[in-house]
Protein backbone atom coordinates (compact mmCIF):
# COMPACT_ATOMS: atom_id res chain seq x y z
CA MET A 1 142.65 178.27 -231.66
CA ALA A 2 145.22 175.36 -232.42
CA GLU A 3 144.09 171.73 -233.08
CA PRO A 4 144.87 169.25 -230.41
CA ASP A 5 147.56 166.85 -231.02
CA THR A 6 146.16 163.32 -230.73
CA THR A 7 149.61 162.11 -230.14
CA LEU A 8 149.75 164.27 -226.91
CA LEU A 9 146.26 162.88 -225.76
CA ARG A 10 147.43 159.53 -226.01
CA GLN A 11 150.51 160.48 -223.65
CA ILE A 12 148.33 161.30 -220.90
CA PRO A 13 149.01 159.15 -217.76
CA ALA A 14 146.72 156.16 -217.10
CA VAL A 15 144.87 155.99 -213.82
CA ALA A 16 147.13 153.00 -212.87
CA THR A 17 150.39 155.05 -213.47
CA VAL A 18 148.97 157.82 -211.31
CA LEU A 19 148.31 155.58 -208.57
CA ALA A 20 151.79 154.16 -208.58
CA THR A 21 153.48 157.53 -207.70
CA PRO A 22 154.58 158.22 -204.03
CA GLU A 23 152.03 161.41 -203.90
CA ALA A 24 149.15 159.20 -204.67
CA ALA A 25 150.20 156.44 -202.37
CA GLU A 26 150.24 159.06 -199.46
CA LEU A 27 146.60 160.04 -200.60
CA VAL A 28 145.59 156.44 -200.52
CA GLU A 29 146.81 156.32 -196.91
CA ALA A 30 144.81 159.10 -196.05
CA HIS A 31 141.46 158.69 -197.96
CA GLY A 32 141.45 155.11 -199.05
CA ARG A 33 142.14 153.83 -202.59
CA PRO A 34 138.45 154.00 -204.16
CA VAL A 35 138.19 157.70 -203.17
CA VAL A 36 141.60 158.56 -204.49
CA THR A 37 140.89 156.55 -207.82
CA ASP A 38 137.80 158.64 -208.33
CA ALA A 39 139.63 162.03 -207.79
CA ILE A 40 142.28 160.88 -210.17
CA ARG A 41 139.67 160.03 -212.78
CA ASP A 42 138.00 163.48 -212.14
CA VAL A 43 141.29 165.13 -212.83
CA LEU A 44 142.22 163.05 -215.98
CA ALA A 45 138.67 164.00 -217.31
CA GLY A 46 139.36 167.70 -217.08
CA VAL A 47 142.77 167.33 -218.66
CA ARG A 48 141.47 165.30 -221.84
CA ALA A 49 138.76 168.15 -222.11
CA ALA A 50 141.22 170.96 -221.81
CA MET A 51 143.59 169.43 -224.27
CA ALA A 52 140.81 168.78 -226.59
CA ARG A 53 140.08 172.30 -226.72
CA GLU A 54 143.83 173.76 -227.24
CA VAL A 55 147.35 172.46 -227.07
CA ARG A 56 148.97 172.48 -223.67
CA PRO A 57 151.67 170.20 -222.22
CA VAL A 58 151.00 166.79 -220.91
CA PRO A 59 150.86 166.87 -217.16
CA THR A 60 153.14 164.35 -215.10
CA PRO A 61 151.69 161.63 -213.10
CA ALA A 62 152.92 163.37 -209.87
CA GLY A 63 151.07 166.58 -210.98
CA ILE A 64 148.14 164.63 -211.55
CA ALA A 65 148.03 163.12 -208.15
CA ARG A 66 148.91 166.62 -206.52
CA GLU A 67 145.81 168.27 -208.24
CA ALA A 68 143.73 164.99 -207.27
CA GLY A 69 145.01 165.75 -203.65
CA GLU A 70 143.76 169.44 -203.86
CA LYS A 71 140.34 168.06 -204.80
CA LEU A 72 140.18 165.88 -201.84
CA ALA A 73 141.42 168.46 -199.48
CA GLY A 74 138.42 170.59 -200.43
CA ARG A 75 136.16 167.81 -199.32
CA ARG A 76 136.21 168.70 -195.60
CA ALA A 77 134.14 167.15 -193.06
CA SER A 78 130.61 169.09 -192.53
CA LEU A 79 130.83 169.05 -188.89
CA ARG A 80 133.97 170.93 -188.08
CA THR A 81 135.33 172.69 -185.04
CA VAL A 82 135.12 176.32 -185.11
CA PHE A 83 136.09 179.30 -182.95
CA ASN A 84 132.90 180.69 -181.28
CA LEU A 85 133.67 184.40 -181.17
CA THR A 86 129.89 185.38 -181.52
CA GLY A 87 129.62 186.63 -177.96
CA THR A 88 127.14 183.98 -177.30
CA VAL A 89 128.63 181.58 -174.81
CA LEU A 90 125.92 178.75 -175.05
CA HIS A 91 125.42 179.11 -178.82
CA THR A 92 122.83 176.75 -180.06
CA ASN A 93 123.91 176.52 -183.81
CA LEU A 94 127.68 175.99 -182.41
CA GLY A 95 126.76 173.11 -180.32
CA ARG A 96 125.99 174.76 -176.89
CA ALA A 97 128.21 173.71 -174.11
CA GLN A 98 131.88 172.64 -174.46
CA LEU A 99 132.51 169.58 -172.46
CA ALA A 100 135.04 169.43 -169.67
CA ASP A 101 138.11 167.50 -170.15
CA ALA A 102 137.15 164.79 -167.94
CA ALA A 103 133.81 164.17 -169.80
CA VAL A 104 135.64 164.20 -173.16
CA ASP A 105 137.98 161.59 -171.87
CA ALA A 106 135.04 159.29 -170.31
CA ALA A 107 133.30 159.70 -173.64
CA VAL A 108 136.60 158.82 -175.89
CA GLN A 109 137.14 155.56 -173.42
CA ALA A 110 133.38 154.60 -173.99
CA MET A 111 134.10 154.57 -177.72
CA ARG A 112 137.27 152.77 -177.74
CA HIS A 113 136.20 149.89 -175.37
CA PRO A 114 133.36 147.71 -174.35
CA VAL A 115 131.74 149.28 -171.41
CA SER A 116 129.10 148.04 -168.67
CA LEU A 117 126.22 149.98 -170.16
CA GLU A 118 123.39 147.41 -169.37
CA TYR A 119 125.55 144.96 -167.46
CA SER A 120 125.75 144.63 -163.74
CA LEU A 121 129.30 143.91 -162.66
CA ASP A 122 127.83 142.99 -159.08
CA THR A 123 125.60 140.30 -160.19
CA GLY A 124 126.80 139.11 -163.55
CA SER A 125 123.27 139.93 -165.16
CA ARG A 126 121.77 142.52 -167.12
CA GLY A 127 121.69 146.12 -165.43
CA GLU A 128 120.06 149.35 -166.19
CA ARG A 129 121.83 152.37 -168.08
CA ASP A 130 120.28 154.94 -165.80
CA ASP A 131 121.99 153.17 -163.09
CA HIS A 132 125.35 155.03 -163.97
CA VAL A 133 123.98 158.45 -163.08
CA ARG A 134 120.93 157.86 -160.77
CA ASP A 135 122.82 158.20 -157.67
CA LEU A 136 124.51 161.15 -158.72
CA LEU A 137 121.43 163.12 -159.75
CA ARG A 138 119.75 162.03 -156.43
CA GLU A 139 122.72 163.36 -154.60
CA LEU A 140 122.98 166.63 -156.73
CA THR A 141 119.22 167.45 -156.73
CA GLY A 142 117.62 165.93 -153.58
CA ALA A 143 115.15 163.89 -155.48
CA GLU A 144 113.86 160.49 -154.90
CA ASP A 145 114.91 159.08 -158.33
CA ALA A 146 116.05 160.31 -161.66
CA THR A 147 116.01 159.16 -165.40
CA VAL A 148 117.88 160.47 -168.51
CA VAL A 149 116.63 160.91 -172.18
CA ASN A 150 118.23 162.48 -175.10
CA ASN A 151 117.09 166.30 -174.48
CA ASN A 152 114.88 168.32 -172.46
CA ALA A 153 112.01 168.52 -175.05
CA ALA A 154 111.97 164.66 -175.00
CA ALA A 155 112.01 164.76 -171.24
CA VAL A 156 108.79 166.96 -171.26
CA LEU A 157 107.26 164.87 -174.15
CA LEU A 158 107.84 161.58 -172.07
CA CYS A 159 106.43 163.33 -168.92
CA LEU A 160 103.27 164.26 -170.58
CA ASN A 161 102.76 161.28 -172.55
CA THR A 162 103.12 159.00 -169.32
CA PHE A 163 100.73 161.02 -167.28
CA ALA A 164 98.45 163.20 -169.59
CA LEU A 165 97.83 160.84 -172.63
CA ARG A 166 94.15 161.49 -173.50
CA ARG A 167 93.86 163.35 -170.32
CA GLU A 168 94.36 167.17 -169.79
CA ALA A 169 97.45 169.08 -169.04
CA VAL A 170 96.94 172.56 -167.40
CA VAL A 171 99.44 175.14 -168.09
CA SER A 172 99.48 179.09 -167.97
CA ARG A 173 98.94 181.05 -171.04
CA GLY A 174 101.95 182.96 -170.11
CA GLU A 175 104.20 179.88 -170.12
CA LEU A 176 103.56 178.66 -173.61
CA ILE A 177 107.00 178.98 -174.81
CA GLU A 178 108.54 178.64 -178.24
CA ILE A 179 112.19 177.53 -178.41
CA GLY A 180 114.70 177.65 -181.35
CA GLY A 181 113.44 176.38 -184.74
CA ALA A 182 109.80 177.32 -184.10
CA PHE A 183 109.46 174.34 -181.64
CA ARG A 184 106.53 175.38 -179.34
CA MET A 185 105.25 173.93 -176.21
CA PRO A 186 101.65 173.43 -177.33
CA ASP A 187 103.06 171.15 -180.20
CA ILE A 188 104.85 169.08 -177.78
CA MET A 189 101.83 168.57 -175.79
CA ALA A 190 99.79 167.72 -178.85
CA ARG A 191 102.28 165.14 -179.93
CA ALA A 192 102.38 163.66 -176.36
CA GLY A 193 98.66 163.09 -176.79
CA ALA A 194 97.68 165.47 -174.02
CA ASP A 195 94.73 167.94 -174.36
CA MET A 196 96.10 171.35 -173.20
CA VAL A 197 94.21 173.29 -170.80
CA GLU A 198 95.23 176.98 -170.84
CA VAL A 199 94.61 179.06 -167.79
CA GLY A 200 94.95 182.91 -166.98
CA THR A 201 96.19 185.22 -169.51
CA THR A 202 99.60 186.10 -171.04
CA ASN A 203 100.80 188.33 -168.51
CA ARG A 204 98.47 187.49 -165.24
CA THR A 205 97.53 183.92 -163.83
CA HIS A 206 96.30 183.21 -160.37
CA ALA A 207 95.96 180.33 -158.09
CA ALA A 208 92.13 180.46 -158.61
CA ASP A 209 92.61 179.98 -162.24
CA TYR A 210 94.48 176.46 -161.67
CA GLN A 211 92.02 175.45 -159.17
CA GLY A 212 89.26 176.07 -161.44
CA ALA A 213 90.60 174.13 -164.20
CA LEU A 214 91.22 170.79 -162.09
CA ASN A 215 88.94 167.97 -162.68
CA GLU A 216 88.69 164.06 -162.95
CA ARG A 217 90.44 164.05 -166.53
CA THR A 218 93.44 166.29 -165.44
CA GLY A 219 96.70 164.37 -165.77
CA LEU A 220 99.24 166.73 -164.49
CA VAL A 221 99.88 170.52 -163.96
CA LEU A 222 102.81 171.87 -166.25
CA LYS A 223 104.89 174.88 -164.84
CA VAL A 224 107.42 175.89 -167.55
CA HIS A 225 110.24 178.14 -166.56
CA THR A 226 110.39 181.03 -169.20
CA SER A 227 114.09 181.00 -169.36
CA ASN A 228 114.39 182.39 -172.77
CA TYR A 229 112.14 185.45 -172.34
CA ARG A 230 110.66 187.82 -169.61
CA ILE A 231 107.10 189.37 -169.23
CA GLN A 232 107.73 192.42 -167.31
CA GLY A 233 105.03 195.16 -166.04
CA PHE A 234 101.57 194.30 -164.88
CA THR A 235 102.13 190.69 -164.29
CA ALA A 236 101.24 187.95 -161.76
CA GLY A 237 101.95 184.38 -161.47
CA VAL A 238 101.86 181.44 -159.08
CA ASP A 239 104.89 180.18 -157.69
CA ALA A 240 106.18 176.72 -157.92
CA ARG A 241 105.69 175.97 -154.21
CA GLU A 242 101.91 177.20 -154.08
CA LEU A 243 101.20 175.44 -157.22
CA ALA A 244 102.72 172.09 -156.01
CA ALA A 245 100.22 172.39 -152.99
CA ILE A 246 97.23 173.23 -155.66
CA ALA A 247 98.40 169.82 -157.48
CA ASN A 248 98.87 167.62 -154.52
CA GLU A 249 95.41 168.64 -153.07
CA ALA A 250 93.95 167.53 -156.30
CA GLY A 251 95.88 164.33 -156.45
CA VAL A 252 97.80 165.13 -159.45
CA PRO A 253 101.44 165.67 -160.01
CA LEU A 254 103.34 169.01 -160.78
CA LEU A 255 105.71 169.05 -163.57
CA ASN A 256 108.13 171.86 -163.28
CA ASP A 257 110.08 172.27 -166.64
CA LEU A 258 113.23 174.30 -165.85
CA GLY A 259 114.66 174.16 -169.18
CA SER A 260 118.26 175.29 -168.93
CA GLY A 261 118.42 174.12 -165.52
CA SER A 262 121.29 174.68 -163.26
CA LEU A 263 122.90 172.45 -160.20
CA VAL A 264 124.66 175.42 -158.58
CA ASP A 265 123.63 178.74 -157.46
CA LEU A 266 125.26 180.86 -160.30
CA SER A 267 125.15 184.11 -158.18
CA ARG A 268 128.42 182.33 -156.40
CA HIS A 269 130.23 182.97 -159.82
CA GLY A 270 129.06 186.47 -160.27
CA LEU A 271 126.05 185.68 -162.34
CA ALA A 272 122.58 186.38 -161.90
CA LYS A 273 120.46 184.02 -159.69
CA GLU A 274 118.76 181.11 -161.62
CA PRO A 275 116.56 178.51 -160.12
CA THR A 276 118.24 175.50 -159.15
CA VAL A 277 116.93 171.99 -159.55
CA ARG A 278 117.44 171.26 -155.95
CA GLU A 279 115.33 174.46 -155.12
CA ALA A 280 112.51 173.11 -157.77
CA VAL A 281 112.36 169.89 -155.90
CA ALA A 282 112.29 171.27 -152.42
CA GLU A 283 109.44 173.44 -153.43
CA GLY A 284 107.30 170.25 -153.93
CA ALA A 285 107.07 169.49 -157.62
CA ARG A 286 106.81 165.74 -158.15
CA LEU A 287 108.69 165.96 -161.45
CA VAL A 288 111.32 168.35 -162.68
CA THR A 289 112.97 168.36 -166.00
CA PHE A 290 116.15 170.17 -167.39
CA SER A 291 118.71 170.11 -170.15
CA GLY A 292 122.19 168.78 -169.86
CA ASP A 293 124.15 170.91 -172.32
CA LYS A 294 122.95 174.43 -171.10
CA LEU A 295 124.08 175.90 -167.77
CA LEU A 296 124.80 172.29 -166.65
CA GLY A 297 127.72 172.27 -169.03
CA GLY A 298 127.49 168.65 -170.23
CA PRO A 299 126.53 166.95 -173.26
CA GLN A 300 122.83 167.02 -174.76
CA ALA A 301 120.60 165.14 -172.68
CA GLY A 302 117.27 165.71 -170.98
CA PHE A 303 116.84 164.98 -167.11
CA ILE A 304 113.71 163.86 -165.27
CA VAL A 305 113.98 163.97 -161.45
CA GLY A 306 111.37 163.57 -158.83
CA ASP A 307 109.08 160.79 -156.89
CA ALA A 308 110.49 157.47 -157.45
CA ALA A 309 106.78 156.03 -158.00
CA LEU A 310 106.12 158.51 -161.02
CA ILE A 311 109.78 157.92 -162.41
CA ALA A 312 109.17 154.15 -162.13
CA GLN A 313 106.04 154.86 -164.35
CA ILE A 314 107.93 157.00 -166.75
CA ASN A 315 110.44 154.41 -167.09
CA ARG A 316 107.82 151.65 -168.24
CA ASN A 317 106.81 153.77 -171.00
CA PRO A 318 107.66 152.34 -174.39
CA LEU A 319 108.89 155.71 -175.42
CA LYS A 320 111.61 155.71 -173.01
CA ARG A 321 113.63 153.30 -175.06
CA ALA A 322 112.98 155.30 -178.32
CA LEU A 323 114.49 158.35 -176.25
CA ARG A 324 117.38 156.93 -174.54
CA VAL A 325 120.83 158.22 -174.49
CA ASP A 326 123.99 156.04 -175.87
CA LYS A 327 127.18 155.05 -174.17
CA MET A 328 129.28 157.82 -175.19
CA ARG A 329 126.81 160.51 -173.95
CA LEU A 330 126.03 158.43 -170.70
CA ALA A 331 129.87 158.28 -169.92
CA ALA A 332 130.21 162.28 -170.72
CA ILE A 333 127.20 162.84 -168.58
CA GLU A 334 128.49 160.83 -165.52
CA ALA A 335 131.83 162.56 -165.76
CA THR A 336 130.25 165.92 -165.92
CA LEU A 337 127.98 165.33 -162.72
CA ARG A 338 130.99 164.03 -160.63
CA LEU A 339 132.68 167.41 -161.17
CA TYR A 340 129.65 168.90 -159.33
CA ARG A 341 130.70 166.97 -155.97
CA ASP A 342 133.77 169.54 -155.81
CA PRO A 343 132.02 172.91 -156.12
CA ASP A 344 135.45 174.58 -155.18
CA ARG A 345 136.95 173.88 -158.39
CA LEU A 346 134.16 173.82 -160.51
CA GLY A 347 134.80 177.11 -162.24
CA GLU A 348 137.90 176.13 -163.37
CA ARG A 349 137.17 172.48 -164.76
CA LEU A 350 133.83 173.25 -166.39
CA PRO A 351 134.24 175.33 -169.47
CA THR A 352 130.83 176.71 -169.48
CA LEU A 353 131.02 178.17 -166.01
CA ARG A 354 134.76 179.27 -166.91
CA TYR A 355 133.56 181.38 -169.93
CA LEU A 356 130.65 182.81 -168.23
CA ALA A 357 132.38 183.88 -164.83
CA ARG A 358 135.38 185.13 -166.65
CA GLU A 359 136.62 188.41 -165.71
CA THR A 360 136.17 191.21 -168.03
CA ALA A 361 139.59 192.70 -167.48
CA ALA A 362 141.21 189.32 -168.37
CA VAL A 363 139.12 189.37 -171.59
CA HIS A 364 140.33 193.14 -172.38
CA ALA A 365 143.99 192.11 -171.84
CA GLN A 366 143.88 189.23 -174.12
CA ALA A 367 142.34 191.52 -176.88
CA GLU A 368 144.97 194.12 -176.31
CA ARG A 369 147.79 191.49 -176.39
CA LEU A 370 146.47 189.73 -179.53
CA LEU A 371 145.79 193.19 -181.29
CA PRO A 372 149.22 193.84 -183.27
CA ASP A 373 149.15 190.11 -184.27
CA VAL A 374 145.78 190.13 -185.63
CA ALA A 375 146.50 193.35 -187.36
CA ALA A 376 149.35 192.10 -189.00
CA ARG A 377 147.65 189.00 -190.31
CA LEU A 378 144.73 191.00 -191.55
CA GLY A 379 147.00 193.47 -193.43
CA ALA A 380 146.65 197.12 -194.76
CA ALA A 381 143.06 196.46 -196.06
CA PHE A 382 141.48 196.57 -192.45
CA ASP A 383 141.78 198.39 -189.48
CA VAL A 384 141.62 196.58 -186.08
CA ASP A 385 140.87 197.79 -182.71
CA VAL A 386 139.61 196.64 -179.23
CA VAL A 387 136.09 197.88 -178.06
CA PRO A 388 133.99 196.92 -175.15
CA CYS A 389 131.17 194.81 -175.94
CA LEU A 390 128.31 192.64 -174.24
CA SER A 391 128.30 188.87 -174.12
CA GLN A 392 125.07 186.90 -173.76
CA ILE A 393 124.73 183.50 -171.95
CA GLY A 394 122.56 181.98 -174.90
CA SER A 395 120.24 178.78 -175.30
CA GLY A 396 117.40 180.62 -173.57
CA ALA A 397 119.26 181.05 -170.27
CA LEU A 398 118.97 184.52 -168.58
CA PRO A 399 117.71 186.17 -171.41
CA LEU A 400 117.93 189.76 -169.96
CA ASP A 401 121.40 189.31 -168.30
CA THR A 402 124.56 190.34 -170.27
CA LEU A 403 128.22 189.96 -169.46
CA GLN A 404 130.70 193.00 -170.05
CA SER A 405 133.31 191.61 -172.45
CA ALA A 406 135.81 192.78 -175.10
CA ALA A 407 135.85 192.35 -178.81
CA LEU A 408 138.43 192.75 -181.65
CA ARG A 409 136.48 195.11 -184.13
CA ILE A 410 137.56 194.78 -187.89
CA ARG A 411 136.58 197.43 -190.33
CA ALA A 412 137.40 197.44 -194.32
CA ARG A 413 139.19 200.68 -195.12
CA GLY A 414 137.82 200.20 -198.68
CA ARG A 415 134.41 198.89 -200.08
CA GLN A 416 132.13 197.26 -197.41
CA THR A 417 131.96 194.47 -199.43
CA ALA A 418 135.50 193.56 -198.35
CA LEU A 419 134.24 192.83 -194.82
CA GLU A 420 131.53 190.45 -195.98
CA GLN A 421 134.10 188.76 -198.22
CA LEU A 422 136.61 188.48 -195.24
CA ALA A 423 133.66 186.94 -192.87
CA THR A 424 132.95 184.46 -195.48
CA ARG A 425 136.64 183.49 -195.97
CA LEU A 426 137.08 182.94 -192.25
CA ARG A 427 134.04 180.62 -192.45
CA ALA A 428 136.00 178.77 -195.22
CA VAL A 429 139.29 178.02 -193.50
CA PRO A 430 140.16 174.60 -191.82
CA ARG A 431 139.05 175.85 -188.43
CA PRO A 432 136.43 178.70 -189.14
CA VAL A 433 136.19 181.92 -187.35
CA ILE A 434 132.70 182.74 -186.33
CA GLY A 435 132.03 186.40 -185.31
CA ARG A 436 129.16 188.70 -185.90
CA ILE A 437 128.80 191.68 -188.26
CA ALA A 438 127.30 194.81 -186.64
CA ASP A 439 127.48 198.63 -187.37
CA GLY A 440 129.75 198.00 -190.37
CA ALA A 441 132.39 196.07 -188.69
CA LEU A 442 133.17 192.35 -187.72
CA HIS A 443 133.34 191.83 -184.11
CA LEU A 444 135.36 189.03 -182.47
CA ASP A 445 134.22 188.64 -178.82
CA LEU A 446 137.16 186.83 -177.04
CA ARG A 447 135.13 185.57 -173.78
CA CYS A 448 135.24 182.15 -175.26
CA LEU A 449 138.87 181.95 -176.69
CA ASP A 450 141.10 180.05 -174.53
CA ALA A 451 144.92 180.92 -174.24
CA GLY A 452 146.06 177.83 -175.54
CA ASP A 453 143.80 178.10 -178.95
CA GLU A 454 145.54 181.60 -179.64
CA ALA A 455 148.09 180.65 -182.01
CA ALA A 456 145.55 178.40 -184.09
CA PHE A 457 143.06 181.50 -183.92
CA LEU A 458 145.97 183.63 -185.62
CA ASP A 459 146.72 180.91 -188.19
CA SER A 460 142.86 181.04 -189.19
CA LEU A 461 142.83 184.64 -189.50
CA ALA A 462 145.98 184.46 -191.70
CA ALA A 463 144.34 181.75 -193.64
CA GLY A 464 141.35 183.73 -194.08
CA SER A 465 143.01 187.11 -195.20
CA ALA A 466 145.54 185.43 -197.63
CA GLY A 467 145.19 186.54 -201.14
CA HIS A 468 143.10 189.84 -200.11
CA PRO A 469 144.03 192.74 -202.35
């Protein structure tokens, strides 16, 4: 190995010299001077270490700046836009519902400007943030009053803490659900300070089970819509209308947790029937909770609707402030709810409903149209064809119902590891492509791919396959 030339080491450009280049100036404009300075120092340290080991040319200041730029380009934001081609429309790990344009615009305006969040424009005095959505929720659900918190688990927690703190909450054993991340209803009840009273069995619960459990310590009766699973076969349960009558006779409220919750009859859009919030209110539940970012198609939120007197008690609970939503989310919620006032155009304006109701033939036609371009970008190492597949709604909604769809099936011509490497590279491109590997192939379900995103999708495929042998 040749000895390093100390004269060459002294010729390595100084940080200030590199910062003076036009290339570095562009980086400073994009990332800020401190970040760029640190990146340049890292590059220079690497250059000195390499030149100390062996003789090599001294890089130019512009070259060092470009290398620093490559380092900075690799420091992408952690929360990134992706293509959801998993076949799960409401994918919890990918952010659930995509917001309507109206909701996005409203949130952006709330971020850019001061807003009347807790300020009454009528009186010029302090206002209440729930007022921005209260009337809309009343109108759309038929409830006397409404409030909103940051998600549905928080809504249930707040109701339990308000009415069953150091008291009993009665619930069927068949409704003690677990949602994503091993988050269980019994744990929520315990954290709320409620004493859980289980009635019935896993598969069968009767009216007499509830009636026998009610006493002077009962704070509320809880009914949980099992939206993320179904118990079939030898089963029995008490419907919400009958359970509401039992609870009312005992003088305690029925809390009906709908979970995913829908404001419209999904069967109108060719989907399976799911209980609506309006139906739950009409059945007599004095409190109903549901999510904002599932079937409703809005941002993450938890809604509580029901009797005005009970909602007033909830709003006096100190936990309410800890669980409230911010101005951006509230703006997006209001804009989303307003779309429901025009049900005839809801399917085209609300992305969640548009994806769920999309015709199978349209997805298949898109897949056939994209097939040649996809194959060209992936190259000779892979075979690509179009196959029928089943999409699912996701996020615990309608777990037994699937949607006929179409996918681009990608198979490696050589080693199977090539397919896994491709999936890894597709997750590393600027806008990652997220599919699913099954039966020795990478499946890209196109149900959630908008026509306007097709060019960007093809660019991501090209970037992910670049350099493949």
